[in-house]
Amino acid sequence: MSEFSWESEQQPAPAAEQAPASSTETAQSSASATVLLSAHDFSALEERIVRAVELVRRERQLRSEAEARAASAEARVEHADTQLREQMAAADDLRKELGALHSERSEVRGRVDRLLSQLDALEL
């Protein structure tokens, strides 16, 4: 199995040419030497990243679709609300008209009753 190193690919300079290393540089070089990934680990990481990207893409698409459905539902609710208000206004108008027709019927009945009583009075 091949191994990949995250450390620099430069060859270290000979000891005579190197400046004395500080403790920070020594700690960094020893830490970078311990970070090694095998090809299998690297491909597994790559697969996880690809799956994560696909998951984010899918979730964004689902979110977009959900937002579109929500907007459509809100439009339908608004339309239904408008229709309901119109129908309630029409129902109120019909109730008023029905009340007016009932009172007119009562008035007409009263007239008819008076006319019938006048006809009865004439026949006697």
N, C-alpha and C. Protein backbone atom coordinates (compact mmCIF):
# COMPACT_ATOMS: atom_id res chain seq x y z
N MET A 1 0.84 -1.16 0.00
CA MET A 1 0.00 0.00 0.00
C MET A 1 0.89 1.23 0.00
N SER A 2 0.64 2.18 -0.93
CA SER A 2 1.48 3.37 -0.96
C SER A 2 1.00 4.36 0.08
N GLU A 3 1.87 5.20 0.51
CA GLU A 3 1.51 6.17 1.53
C GLU A 3 1.83 7.56 1.02
N PHE A 4 0.97 8.50 1.44
CA PHE A 4 1.13 9.89 1.06
C PHE A 4 1.48 10.68 2.30
N SER A 5 2.32 11.65 2.14
CA SER A 5 2.72 12.46 3.28
C SER A 5 2.30 13.89 3.01
N TRP A 6 1.87 14.55 4.03
CA TRP A 6 1.46 15.94 3.92
C TRP A 6 2.66 16.88 4.07
N GLU A 7 3.79 16.33 4.41
CA GLU A 7 4.95 17.19 4.62
C GLU A 7 5.53 17.62 3.30
N SER A 8 6.36 18.60 3.34
CA SER A 8 6.96 19.19 2.15
C SER A 8 7.77 18.14 1.41
N GLU A 9 7.82 18.28 0.08
CA GLU A 9 8.54 17.31 -0.71
C GLU A 9 10.00 17.71 -0.91
N GLN A 10 10.41 18.78 -0.30
CA GLN A 10 11.80 19.21 -0.41
C GLN A 10 12.68 18.32 0.45
N GLN A 11 13.84 18.10 -0.05
CA GLN A 11 14.82 17.33 0.73
C GLN A 11 15.42 18.26 1.77
N PRO A 12 15.61 17.77 2.97
CA PRO A 12 16.20 18.64 3.98
C PRO A 12 17.63 19.01 3.59
N ALA A 13 18.00 20.23 3.92
CA ALA A 13 19.34 20.72 3.60
C ALA A 13 20.34 20.03 4.51
N PRO A 14 21.56 19.88 4.08
CA PRO A 14 22.57 19.26 4.93
C PRO A 14 22.71 20.03 6.23
N ALA A 15 23.15 19.36 7.25
CA ALA A 15 23.22 19.93 8.60
C ALA A 15 24.10 21.16 8.64
N ALA A 16 25.10 21.23 7.84
CA ALA A 16 26.01 22.37 7.86
C ALA A 16 25.31 23.61 7.32
N GLU A 17 24.39 23.45 6.33
CA GLU A 17 23.72 24.58 5.73
C GLU A 17 22.50 25.01 6.53
N GLN A 18 21.97 24.16 7.38
CA GLN A 18 20.76 24.48 8.13
C GLN A 18 21.08 25.41 9.28
N ALA A 19 20.15 26.31 9.50
CA ALA A 19 20.27 27.17 10.67
C ALA A 19 19.78 26.36 11.85
N PRO A 20 20.17 26.69 13.03
CA PRO A 20 19.69 25.96 14.19
C PRO A 20 18.16 26.07 14.26
N ALA A 21 17.47 24.94 14.44
CA ALA A 21 16.02 24.91 14.46
C ALA A 21 15.51 25.33 15.82
N SER A 22 14.45 26.12 15.78
CA SER A 22 13.83 26.51 17.04
C SER A 22 12.94 25.37 17.51
N SER A 23 12.50 25.45 18.73
CA SER A 23 11.66 24.38 19.28
C SER A 23 10.32 24.32 18.55
N THR A 24 9.81 25.44 18.05
CA THR A 24 8.53 25.47 17.34
C THR A 24 8.67 24.74 16.00
N GLU A 25 9.77 25.00 15.30
CA GLU A 25 9.98 24.35 14.01
C GLU A 25 10.16 22.85 14.19
N THR A 26 10.82 22.44 15.22
CA THR A 26 11.02 21.02 15.49
C THR A 26 9.69 20.35 15.78
N ALA A 27 8.82 21.01 16.56
CA ALA A 27 7.50 20.45 16.89
C ALA A 27 6.64 20.34 15.65
N GLN A 28 6.72 21.34 14.78
CA GLN A 28 5.92 21.31 13.54
C GLN A 28 6.39 20.20 12.62
N SER A 29 7.69 20.03 12.49
CA SER A 29 8.18 19.00 11.58
C SER A 29 7.87 17.60 12.10
N SER A 30 7.91 17.42 13.43
CA SER A 30 7.58 16.10 13.97
C SER A 30 6.09 15.82 13.85
N ALA A 31 5.25 16.87 13.95
CA ALA A 31 3.80 16.70 13.81
C ALA A 31 3.46 16.38 12.36
N SER A 32 4.12 17.03 11.41
CA SER A 32 3.82 16.77 10.00
C SER A 32 4.31 15.40 9.59
N ALA A 33 5.30 14.89 10.22
CA ALA A 33 5.79 13.56 9.89
C ALA A 33 4.81 12.49 10.33
N THR A 34 4.01 12.78 11.35
CA THR A 34 3.06 11.78 11.83
C THR A 34 1.76 11.79 11.04
N VAL A 35 1.53 12.80 10.19
CA VAL A 35 0.30 12.88 9.41
C VAL A 35 0.53 12.18 8.08
N LEU A 36 0.23 10.91 8.06
CA LEU A 36 0.36 10.12 6.85
C LEU A 36 -0.99 9.48 6.53
N LEU A 37 -1.35 9.49 5.26
CA LEU A 37 -2.60 8.86 4.84
C LEU A 37 -2.28 7.75 3.86
N SER A 38 -2.86 6.62 4.07
CA SER A 38 -2.70 5.55 3.10
C SER A 38 -3.62 5.83 1.92
N ALA A 39 -3.39 5.17 0.81
CA ALA A 39 -4.22 5.35 -0.38
C ALA A 39 -5.66 4.98 -0.07
N HIS A 40 -5.85 3.94 0.71
CA HIS A 40 -7.19 3.51 1.07
C HIS A 40 -7.87 4.58 1.93
N ASP A 41 -7.14 5.13 2.91
CA ASP A 41 -7.70 6.17 3.76
C ASP A 41 -8.05 7.41 2.93
N PHE A 42 -7.18 7.74 1.99
CA PHE A 42 -7.41 8.90 1.15
C PHE A 42 -8.64 8.70 0.28
N SER A 43 -8.80 7.51 -0.33
CA SER A 43 -9.97 7.26 -1.18
C SER A 43 -11.24 7.19 -0.34
N ALA A 44 -11.14 6.68 0.89
CA ALA A 44 -12.31 6.65 1.77
C ALA A 44 -12.72 8.08 2.12
N LEU A 45 -11.74 8.93 2.39
CA LEU A 45 -12.02 10.33 2.68
C LEU A 45 -12.65 11.00 1.47
N GLU A 46 -12.11 10.71 0.30
CA GLU A 46 -12.64 11.28 -0.93
C GLU A 46 -14.09 10.85 -1.13
N GLU A 47 -14.39 9.58 -0.89
CA GLU A 47 -15.76 9.07 -1.02
C GLU A 47 -16.70 9.77 -0.04
N ARG A 48 -16.23 9.96 1.18
CA ARG A 48 -17.05 10.65 2.18
C ARG A 48 -17.34 12.08 1.76
N ILE A 49 -16.34 12.73 1.19
CA ILE A 49 -16.53 14.11 0.73
C ILE A 49 -17.51 14.14 -0.42
N VAL A 50 -17.38 13.21 -1.36
CA VAL A 50 -18.30 13.14 -2.49
C VAL A 50 -19.72 12.89 -2.00
N ARG A 51 -19.89 11.97 -1.06
CA ARG A 51 -21.22 11.70 -0.49
C ARG A 51 -21.77 12.93 0.21
N ALA A 52 -20.91 13.65 0.92
CA ALA A 52 -21.35 14.86 1.61
C ALA A 52 -21.80 15.92 0.62
N VAL A 53 -21.05 16.07 -0.47
CA VAL A 53 -21.41 17.03 -1.51
C VAL A 53 -22.74 16.65 -2.14
N GLU A 54 -22.91 15.36 -2.45
CA GLU A 54 -24.18 14.89 -3.02
C GLU A 54 -25.33 15.10 -2.06
N LEU A 55 -25.08 14.85 -0.78
CA LEU A 55 -26.11 15.05 0.23
C LEU A 55 -26.51 16.52 0.32
N VAL A 56 -25.53 17.41 0.31
CA VAL A 56 -25.83 18.85 0.35
C VAL A 56 -26.59 19.26 -0.89
N ARG A 57 -26.17 18.76 -2.07
CA ARG A 57 -26.86 19.09 -3.31
C ARG A 57 -28.31 18.60 -3.27
N ARG A 58 -28.50 17.35 -2.81
CA ARG A 58 -29.84 16.78 -2.73
C ARG A 58 -30.71 17.57 -1.74
N GLU A 59 -30.13 17.92 -0.60
CA GLU A 59 -30.88 18.67 0.41
C GLU A 59 -31.26 20.05 -0.11
N ARG A 60 -30.36 20.69 -0.85
CA ARG A 60 -30.68 21.99 -1.43
C ARG A 60 -31.81 21.87 -2.44
N GLN A 61 -31.76 20.81 -3.25
CA GLN A 61 -32.82 20.60 -4.22
C GLN A 61 -34.15 20.34 -3.52
N LEU A 62 -34.13 19.50 -2.49
CA LEU A 62 -35.36 19.22 -1.74
C LEU A 62 -35.88 20.49 -1.06
N ARG A 63 -34.96 21.30 -0.55
CA ARG A 63 -35.37 22.55 0.09
C ARG A 63 -36.01 23.47 -0.93
N SER A 64 -35.41 23.55 -2.11
CA SER A 64 -35.96 24.38 -3.18
C SER A 64 -37.36 23.90 -3.57
N GLU A 65 -37.51 22.59 -3.70
CA GLU A 65 -38.82 22.03 -4.04
C GLU A 65 -39.83 22.29 -2.92
N ALA A 66 -39.41 22.16 -1.68
CA ALA A 66 -40.30 22.41 -0.55
C ALA A 66 -40.72 23.88 -0.50
N GLU A 67 -39.78 24.77 -0.79
CA GLU A 67 -40.11 26.19 -0.81
C GLU A 67 -41.10 26.50 -1.93
N ALA A 68 -40.93 25.84 -3.08
CA ALA A 68 -41.86 26.03 -4.20
C ALA A 68 -43.24 25.52 -3.83
N ARG A 69 -43.28 24.33 -3.18
CA ARG A 69 -44.57 23.79 -2.75
C ARG A 69 -45.22 24.70 -1.71
N ALA A 70 -44.43 25.24 -0.80
CA ALA A 70 -44.96 26.14 0.22
C ALA A 70 -45.51 27.41 -0.41
N ALA A 71 -44.78 27.96 -1.38
CA ALA A 71 -45.26 29.16 -2.07
C ALA A 71 -46.56 28.87 -2.81
N SER A 72 -46.62 27.70 -3.46
CA SER A 72 -47.83 27.32 -4.17
C SER A 72 -49.00 27.15 -3.19
N ALA A 73 -48.73 26.51 -2.07
CA ALA A 73 -49.78 26.32 -1.06
C ALA A 73 -50.25 27.66 -0.50
N GLU A 74 -49.32 28.58 -0.27
CA GLU A 74 -49.70 29.90 0.22
C GLU A 74 -50.56 30.62 -0.80
N ALA A 75 -50.24 30.49 -2.09
CA ALA A 75 -51.04 31.12 -3.14
C ALA A 75 -52.44 30.51 -3.17
N ARG A 76 -52.51 29.18 -3.04
CA ARG A 76 -53.83 28.53 -3.02
C ARG A 76 -54.64 28.96 -1.81
N VAL A 77 -53.98 29.07 -0.65
CA VAL A 77 -54.68 29.51 0.56
C VAL A 77 -55.19 30.94 0.38
N GLU A 78 -54.36 31.80 -0.18
CA GLU A 78 -54.77 33.19 -0.42
C GLU A 78 -55.96 33.24 -1.37
N HIS A 79 -55.90 32.43 -2.43
CA HIS A 79 -57.01 32.38 -3.39
C HIS A 79 -58.29 31.86 -2.70
N ALA A 80 -58.15 30.80 -1.91
CA ALA A 80 -59.31 30.25 -1.21
C ALA A 80 -59.86 31.27 -0.21
N ASP A 81 -58.97 32.01 0.45
CA ASP A 81 -59.40 33.03 1.41
C ASP A 81 -60.19 34.13 0.69
N THR A 82 -59.70 34.54 -0.48
CA THR A 82 -60.40 35.56 -1.26
C THR A 82 -61.77 35.06 -1.68
N GLN A 83 -61.82 33.82 -2.15
CA GLN A 83 -63.12 33.25 -2.54
C GLN A 83 -64.06 33.15 -1.36
N LEU A 84 -63.55 32.76 -0.21
CA LEU A 84 -64.37 32.65 0.99
C LEU A 84 -64.94 34.01 1.37
N ARG A 85 -64.11 35.05 1.33
CA ARG A 85 -64.61 36.39 1.64
C ARG A 85 -65.70 36.82 0.66
N GLU A 86 -65.48 36.53 -0.63
CA GLU A 86 -66.49 36.88 -1.62
C GLU A 86 -67.78 36.12 -1.38
N GLN A 87 -67.67 34.83 -1.05
CA GLN A 87 -68.86 34.02 -0.79
C GLN A 87 -69.58 34.46 0.48
N MET A 88 -68.79 34.85 1.50
CA MET A 88 -69.42 35.35 2.73
C MET A 88 -70.15 36.66 2.47
N ALA A 89 -69.57 37.53 1.65
CA ALA A 89 -70.23 38.79 1.30
C ALA A 89 -71.52 38.49 0.51
N ALA A 90 -71.45 37.53 -0.42
CA ALA A 90 -72.63 37.15 -1.19
C ALA A 90 -73.69 36.53 -0.27
N ALA A 91 -73.27 35.73 0.70
CA ALA A 91 -74.21 35.12 1.64
C ALA A 91 -74.88 36.21 2.49
N ASP A 92 -74.11 37.21 2.92
CA ASP A 92 -74.71 38.32 3.69
C ASP A 92 -75.73 39.07 2.84
N ASP A 93 -75.38 39.31 1.57
CA ASP A 93 -76.32 39.98 0.67
C ASP A 93 -77.59 39.15 0.51
N LEU A 94 -77.44 37.83 0.35
CA LEU A 94 -78.60 36.95 0.21
C LEU A 94 -79.45 36.93 1.47
N ARG A 95 -78.80 36.95 2.66
CA ARG A 95 -79.56 37.01 3.92
C ARG A 95 -80.37 38.29 4.01
N LYS A 96 -79.75 39.40 3.63
CA LYS A 96 -80.48 40.68 3.65
C LYS A 96 -81.64 40.65 2.68
N GLU A 97 -81.38 40.11 1.48
CA GLU A 97 -82.45 40.02 0.48
C GLU A 97 -83.57 39.11 0.97
N LEU A 98 -83.20 38.00 1.61
CA LEU A 98 -84.21 37.07 2.15
C LEU A 98 -85.03 37.76 3.23
N GLY A 99 -84.36 38.51 4.09
CA GLY A 99 -85.10 39.26 5.13
C GLY A 99 -86.05 40.26 4.50
N ALA A 100 -85.59 40.96 3.45
CA ALA A 100 -86.46 41.92 2.76
C ALA A 100 -87.64 41.21 2.10
N LEU A 101 -87.38 40.04 1.52
CA LEU A 101 -88.48 39.29 0.89
C LEU A 101 -89.48 38.79 1.94
N HIS A 102 -89.02 38.38 3.11
CA HIS A 102 -89.93 37.94 4.18
C HIS A 102 -90.81 39.10 4.64
N SER A 103 -90.20 40.26 4.81
CA SER A 103 -91.01 41.41 5.25
C SER A 103 -91.99 41.83 4.15
N GLU A 104 -91.56 41.76 2.89
CA GLU A 104 -92.46 42.09 1.79
C GLU A 104 -93.61 41.09 1.73
N ARG A 105 -93.30 39.81 1.96
CA ARG A 105 -94.35 38.78 1.97
C ARG A 105 -95.35 39.05 3.08
N SER A 106 -94.85 39.41 4.23
CA SER A 106 -95.75 39.73 5.34
C SER A 106 -96.63 40.92 5.01
N GLU A 107 -96.05 41.91 4.35
CA GLU A 107 -96.81 43.09 3.95
C GLU A 107 -97.88 42.71 2.93
N VAL A 108 -97.50 41.89 1.95
CA VAL A 108 -98.45 41.45 0.92
C VAL A 108 -99.56 40.62 1.56
N ARG A 109 -99.22 39.75 2.51
CA ARG A 109 -100.25 38.95 3.21
C ARG A 109 -101.23 39.87 3.94
N GLY A 110 -100.67 40.89 4.57
CA GLY A 110 -101.55 41.83 5.26
C GLY A 110 -102.49 42.52 4.29
N ARG A 111 -102.01 42.93 3.14
CA ARG A 111 -102.86 43.57 2.12
C ARG A 111 -103.93 42.61 1.63
N VAL A 112 -103.48 41.36 1.34
CA VAL A 112 -104.43 40.36 0.84
C VAL A 112 -105.50 40.10 1.90
N ASP A 113 -105.09 39.98 3.16
CA ASP A 113 -106.07 39.76 4.23
C ASP A 113 -107.06 40.93 4.30
N ARG A 114 -106.58 42.17 4.17
CA ARG A 114 -107.48 43.33 4.20
C ARG A 114 -108.42 43.31 3.00
N LEU A 115 -107.87 42.99 1.81
CA LEU A 115 -108.72 42.93 0.62
C LEU A 115 -109.78 41.83 0.76
N LEU A 116 -109.37 40.68 1.31
CA LEU A 116 -110.34 39.60 1.50
C LEU A 116 -111.41 40.00 2.52
N SER A 117 -111.00 40.69 3.56
CA SER A 117 -111.99 41.11 4.54
C SER A 117 -112.90 42.18 3.96
N GLN A 118 -112.40 43.06 3.07
CA GLN A 118 -113.25 44.04 2.41
C GLN A 118 -114.22 43.36 1.47
N LEU A 119 -113.76 42.28 0.74
CA LEU A 119 -114.65 41.55 -0.14
C LEU A 119 -115.74 40.83 0.67
N ASP A 120 -115.33 40.27 1.81
CA ASP A 120 -116.32 39.62 2.67
C ASP A 120 -117.34 40.64 3.16
N ALA A 121 -116.90 41.84 3.45
CA ALA A 121 -117.80 42.87 3.93
C ALA A 121 -118.75 43.31 2.82
N LEU A 122 -118.33 43.31 1.57
CA LEU A 122 -119.17 43.68 0.46
C LEU A 122 -120.20 42.62 0.16
N GLU A 123 -119.91 41.38 0.36
CA GLU A 123 -120.82 40.29 0.08
C GLU A 123 -121.92 40.18 1.11
N LEU A 124 -121.75 40.73 2.22
CA LEU A 124 -122.78 40.60 3.24
C LEU A 124 -123.91 41.46 2.96
